[in-house]
Amino acid sequence: MEKQDIVQVRMPREAAGTTPVVPSRAIQLKIGKNKSVIIYNKANGYIVDAVLKAVFNDAH
């Protein structure tokens, strides 16, 4: 039997009667004259950590 290269993934649907959660802007940091970084409230912690380390060079 040959294995497929592409696998279909199905995400569970929202339960009936629930309101879908829409990400909203949690913080916007101005990092330059015409640059800013927007972090949304549903961002994972490791992603936020990586973004902040990339923006602030001296972050540990």
N, C-alpha and C. Protein backbone atom coordinates (compact mmCIF):
# COMPACT_ATOMS: atom_id res chain seq x y z
N MET A 1 0.84 -1.19 0.00
CA MET A 1 0.00 0.00 0.00
C MET A 1 0.88 1.25 0.00
N GLU A 2 0.56 2.19 -0.85
CA GLU A 2 1.34 3.40 -1.01
C GLU A 2 0.83 4.48 -0.05
N LYS A 3 1.76 5.17 0.64
CA LYS A 3 1.38 6.23 1.57
C LYS A 3 1.15 7.53 0.80
N GLN A 4 0.17 8.30 1.25
CA GLN A 4 -0.14 9.57 0.61
C GLN A 4 0.80 10.66 1.12
N ASP A 5 1.13 11.61 0.24
CA ASP A 5 1.93 12.76 0.63
C ASP A 5 1.09 13.83 1.30
N ILE A 6 -0.18 13.91 0.94
CA ILE A 6 -1.09 14.92 1.48
C ILE A 6 -2.14 14.23 2.32
N VAL A 7 -2.32 14.75 3.53
CA VAL A 7 -3.31 14.18 4.45
C VAL A 7 -4.34 15.24 4.76
N GLN A 8 -5.60 14.91 4.63
CA GLN A 8 -6.67 15.85 4.92
C GLN A 8 -6.85 15.95 6.43
N VAL A 9 -6.94 17.19 6.92
CA VAL A 9 -7.15 17.43 8.34
C VAL A 9 -8.48 18.15 8.50
N ARG A 10 -9.33 17.65 9.37
CA ARG A 10 -10.61 18.30 9.62
C ARG A 10 -10.62 18.86 11.02
N MET A 11 -10.95 20.14 11.12
CA MET A 11 -11.04 20.79 12.41
C MET A 11 -12.46 20.63 12.93
N PRO A 12 -12.61 20.45 14.25
CA PRO A 12 -13.96 20.32 14.79
C PRO A 12 -14.74 21.61 14.60
N ARG A 13 -16.02 21.47 14.33
CA ARG A 13 -16.87 22.64 14.15
C ARG A 13 -17.28 23.19 15.50
N GLU A 14 -17.65 24.45 15.51
CA GLU A 14 -18.13 25.09 16.73
C GLU A 14 -19.43 24.42 17.16
N ALA A 15 -19.61 24.28 18.44
CA ALA A 15 -20.84 23.70 18.95
C ALA A 15 -22.01 24.63 18.63
N ALA A 16 -23.16 24.07 18.41
CA ALA A 16 -24.35 24.86 18.06
C ALA A 16 -24.65 25.85 19.17
N GLY A 17 -24.91 27.07 18.80
CA GLY A 17 -25.29 28.09 19.77
C GLY A 17 -24.12 28.84 20.38
N THR A 18 -22.89 28.49 20.03
CA THR A 18 -21.74 29.21 20.59
C THR A 18 -21.30 30.28 19.61
N THR A 19 -20.73 31.31 20.16
CA THR A 19 -20.23 32.40 19.35
C THR A 19 -18.76 32.13 19.03
N PRO A 20 -18.38 32.14 17.75
CA PRO A 20 -16.98 31.90 17.42
C PRO A 20 -16.09 33.00 18.00
N VAL A 21 -14.91 32.61 18.47
CA VAL A 21 -13.98 33.57 19.05
C VAL A 21 -13.17 34.19 17.91
N VAL A 22 -13.23 35.51 17.84
CA VAL A 22 -12.51 36.24 16.80
C VAL A 22 -11.32 36.92 17.47
N PRO A 23 -10.11 36.65 16.98
CA PRO A 23 -8.95 37.32 17.57
C PRO A 23 -9.07 38.83 17.45
N SER A 24 -8.67 39.52 18.51
CA SER A 24 -8.67 40.98 18.48
C SER A 24 -7.28 41.47 18.86
N ARG A 25 -7.02 42.70 18.53
CA ARG A 25 -5.71 43.29 18.78
C ARG A 25 -5.50 43.43 20.29
N ALA A 26 -4.40 42.83 20.79
CA ALA A 26 -4.09 42.92 22.21
C ALA A 26 -3.14 44.10 22.47
N ILE A 27 -2.15 44.26 21.59
CA ILE A 27 -1.18 45.34 21.76
C ILE A 27 -0.58 45.68 20.40
N GLN A 28 -0.27 46.95 20.23
CA GLN A 28 0.43 47.39 19.03
C GLN A 28 1.64 48.18 19.48
N LEU A 29 2.82 47.74 19.07
CA LEU A 29 4.07 48.39 19.44
C LEU A 29 4.64 49.14 18.24
N LYS A 30 4.91 50.41 18.41
CA LYS A 30 5.54 51.19 17.35
C LYS A 30 7.03 50.99 17.47
N ILE A 31 7.66 50.47 16.42
CA ILE A 31 9.09 50.15 16.49
C ILE A 31 9.94 50.99 15.55
N GLY A 32 9.33 51.87 14.84
CA GLY A 32 10.08 52.73 13.93
C GLY A 32 9.15 53.82 13.42
N LYS A 33 9.70 54.65 12.54
CA LYS A 33 8.90 55.77 12.01
C LYS A 33 7.64 55.27 11.31
N ASN A 34 7.78 54.25 10.49
CA ASN A 34 6.64 53.72 9.74
C ASN A 34 6.43 52.23 9.98
N LYS A 35 6.87 51.74 11.13
CA LYS A 35 6.76 50.31 11.42
C LYS A 35 6.09 50.09 12.77
N SER A 36 5.27 49.05 12.82
CA SER A 36 4.67 48.66 14.08
C SER A 36 4.44 47.15 14.07
N VAL A 37 4.33 46.58 15.27
CA VAL A 37 4.06 45.16 15.44
C VAL A 37 2.73 45.05 16.17
N ILE A 38 1.84 44.23 15.64
CA ILE A 38 0.54 44.01 16.26
C ILE A 38 0.51 42.58 16.78
N ILE A 39 0.18 42.41 18.06
CA ILE A 39 0.04 41.09 18.67
C ILE A 39 -1.43 40.91 19.01
N TYR A 40 -1.99 39.80 18.59
CA TYR A 40 -3.40 39.52 18.82
C TYR A 40 -3.59 38.66 20.06
N ASN A 41 -4.79 38.72 20.64
CA ASN A 41 -5.06 38.07 21.92
C ASN A 41 -5.00 36.54 21.86
N LYS A 42 -5.03 35.93 20.72
CA LYS A 42 -4.98 34.47 20.62
C LYS A 42 -3.60 33.96 20.22
N ALA A 43 -2.58 34.82 20.24
CA ALA A 43 -1.23 34.40 19.87
C ALA A 43 -0.66 33.51 20.96
N ASN A 44 0.02 32.45 20.57
CA ASN A 44 0.66 31.55 21.53
C ASN A 44 1.85 32.25 22.18
N GLY A 45 2.14 31.88 23.42
CA GLY A 45 3.20 32.51 24.18
C GLY A 45 4.56 32.43 23.52
N TYR A 46 4.89 31.27 22.92
CA TYR A 46 6.19 31.13 22.28
C TYR A 46 6.31 32.02 21.05
N ILE A 47 5.21 32.30 20.39
CA ILE A 47 5.24 33.20 19.23
C ILE A 47 5.46 34.63 19.70
N VAL A 48 4.75 35.02 20.76
CA VAL A 48 4.93 36.37 21.32
C VAL A 48 6.37 36.54 21.79
N ASP A 49 6.93 35.54 22.46
CA ASP A 49 8.30 35.59 22.93
C ASP A 49 9.27 35.79 21.77
N ALA A 50 9.08 35.04 20.69
CA ALA A 50 9.97 35.14 19.52
C ALA A 50 9.86 36.51 18.86
N VAL A 51 8.66 37.03 18.76
CA VAL A 51 8.47 38.35 18.14
C VAL A 51 9.14 39.43 18.98
N LEU A 52 8.94 39.38 20.29
CA LEU A 52 9.55 40.40 21.16
C LEU A 52 11.07 40.33 21.13
N LYS A 53 11.62 39.11 21.09
CA LYS A 53 13.08 38.97 21.00
C LYS A 53 13.61 39.50 19.67
N ALA A 54 12.84 39.33 18.60
CA ALA A 54 13.26 39.82 17.29
C ALA A 54 13.18 41.36 17.23
N VAL A 55 12.18 41.93 17.89
CA VAL A 55 11.99 43.37 17.86
C VAL A 55 13.00 44.08 18.77
N PHE A 56 13.17 43.53 19.96
CA PHE A 56 14.08 44.14 20.94
C PHE A 56 15.34 43.28 21.01
N ASN A 57 16.39 43.73 20.37
CA ASN A 57 17.63 42.96 20.24
C ASN A 57 18.26 42.57 21.57
N ASP A 58 18.07 43.35 22.61
CA ASP A 58 18.71 43.05 23.89
C ASP A 58 17.83 42.24 24.83
N ALA A 59 16.70 41.72 24.35
CA ALA A 59 15.79 40.91 25.18
C ALA A 59 16.41 39.53 25.40
N HIS A 60 16.19 38.97 26.56
CA HIS A 60 16.72 37.64 26.90
C HIS A 60 15.63 36.63 27.04
